[in-house]
């Protein structure tokens, strides 16, 4: 089976940011994304998806290295200082590389 390496940018942030972050991702070249509810505990305490005010989302984007780094830099520069958000980038192997 032939695979190619791409980057997986994972964004975990306050649910209230979802529409803003997605607009940024689309404007900056993401070809697609997946959004799921997220809950857990971190530097800002317990985040429970059952309460709108404390809900988090996990947004995942598979893309090339240049796009992943540009997206991450933009999100860091525009949201890190004022919102609960973490970003991480990992290598992933994909089967249909043209989709990403």
Protein backbone atom coordinates (compact mmCIF):
# COMPACT_ATOMS: atom_id res chain seq x y z
CA UNK A 1 0.00 0.00 0.00
CA UNK A 2 1.41 3.38 -1.05
CA UNK A 3 1.19 6.21 1.51
CA UNK A 4 2.51 9.73 1.69
CA UNK A 5 3.38 11.83 4.72
CA UNK A 6 1.28 14.87 5.60
CA UNK A 7 0.87 16.93 8.76
CA UNK A 8 -2.01 16.68 11.19
CA UNK A 9 -2.65 19.99 12.93
CA UNK A 10 -4.79 19.49 16.02
CA UNK A 11 -6.46 22.49 17.63
CA UNK A 12 -8.21 22.17 20.97
CA UNK A 13 -9.99 25.35 21.95
CA UNK A 14 -13.03 26.90 23.55
CA UNK A 15 -16.18 25.96 21.64
CA UNK A 16 -17.13 29.63 21.29
CA UNK A 17 -14.15 30.04 18.95
CA UNK A 18 -15.19 27.31 16.52
CA UNK A 19 -16.72 29.50 13.80
CA UNK A 20 -13.87 32.03 14.01
CA UNK A 21 -11.16 29.38 13.84
CA UNK A 22 -12.86 27.59 10.94
CA UNK A 23 -13.16 30.85 9.00
CA UNK A 24 -9.44 31.45 9.57
CA UNK A 25 -8.54 27.92 8.49
CA UNK A 26 -10.53 28.19 5.27
CA UNK A 27 -9.16 31.63 4.47
CA UNK A 28 -5.58 30.43 5.03
CA UNK A 29 -5.79 27.37 2.77
CA UNK A 30 -7.11 24.38 4.73
CA UNK A 31 -8.91 22.10 2.28
CA UNK A 32 -10.94 20.39 4.99
CA UNK A 33 -11.21 19.76 8.72
CA UNK A 34 -12.98 17.61 11.30
CA UNK A 35 -14.59 19.03 14.44
CA UNK A 36 -15.48 16.99 17.54
CA UNK A 37 -16.49 17.88 21.07
CA UNK A 38 -13.67 17.63 23.60
CA UNK A 39 -13.39 17.57 27.35
CA UNK A 40 -10.54 17.24 29.79
CA UNK A 41 -8.37 19.08 32.26
CA UNK A 42 -5.51 21.46 31.65
CA UNK A 43 -3.99 24.72 32.75
CA UNK A 44 -7.37 26.42 32.84
CA UNK A 45 -9.06 23.68 34.86
CA UNK A 46 -11.63 21.08 33.92
CA UNK A 47 -13.38 21.65 30.59
CA UNK A 48 -16.72 19.84 30.48
CA UNK A 49 -18.46 19.54 27.12
CA UNK A 50 -21.80 19.31 28.94
CA UNK A 51 -21.84 23.02 29.72
CA UNK A 52 -21.81 25.53 26.84
CA UNK A 53 -19.68 28.04 28.72
CA UNK A 54 -16.96 25.49 29.43
CA UNK A 55 -17.16 23.35 26.28
CA UNK A 56 -14.15 22.65 24.09
CA UNK A 57 -13.83 21.47 20.51
CA UNK A 58 -11.08 19.54 18.79
CA UNK A 59 -10.43 20.61 15.21
CA UNK A 60 -8.17 18.42 13.08
CA UNK A 61 -6.68 19.44 9.75
CA UNK A 62 -4.59 17.20 7.50
CA UNK A 63 -2.43 19.27 5.16
CA UNK A 64 1.10 19.84 3.91
CA UNK A 65 3.89 21.09 6.16
CA UNK A 66 3.81 24.69 4.92
CA UNK A 67 0.05 25.02 5.47
CA UNK A 68 0.19 23.39 8.93
CA UNK A 69 2.88 25.78 10.10
CA UNK A 70 1.13 28.84 8.65
CA UNK A 71 -2.18 27.87 10.25
CA UNK A 72 -0.56 27.15 13.62
CA UNK A 73 1.35 30.44 13.61
CA UNK A 74 -1.79 32.41 12.79
CA UNK A 75 -3.87 30.71 15.48
CA UNK A 76 -1.10 31.13 18.07
CA UNK A 77 -0.67 34.81 17.25
CA UNK A 78 -4.39 35.61 17.26
CA UNK A 79 -5.83 33.47 20.05
CA UNK A 80 -3.21 32.23 22.55
CA UNK A 81 -3.10 35.38 24.67
CA UNK A 82 -6.83 35.56 25.33
CA UNK A 83 -8.36 32.07 24.99
CA UNK A 84 -7.83 28.49 26.11
CA UNK A 85 -6.19 26.86 23.09
CA UNK A 86 -3.53 24.29 22.41
CA UNK A 87 -2.03 23.30 19.08
CA UNK A 88 0.08 20.36 18.08
CA UNK A 89 1.42 19.07 14.79
CA UNK A 90 2.19 15.44 14.00
CA UNK A 91 3.21 13.44 10.99
CA UNK A 92 0.52 11.19 9.51
CA UNK A 93 0.53 8.74 6.62
CA UNK A 94 -2.35 9.22 4.16
CA UNK A 95 -3.61 7.06 1.33
CA UNK A 96 -5.10 9.70 -0.96
CA UNK A 97 -2.56 12.48 -0.70
CA UNK A 98 -4.26 14.59 -3.38
CA UNK A 99 -7.13 15.28 -1.00
CA UNK A 100 -4.81 17.14 1.37
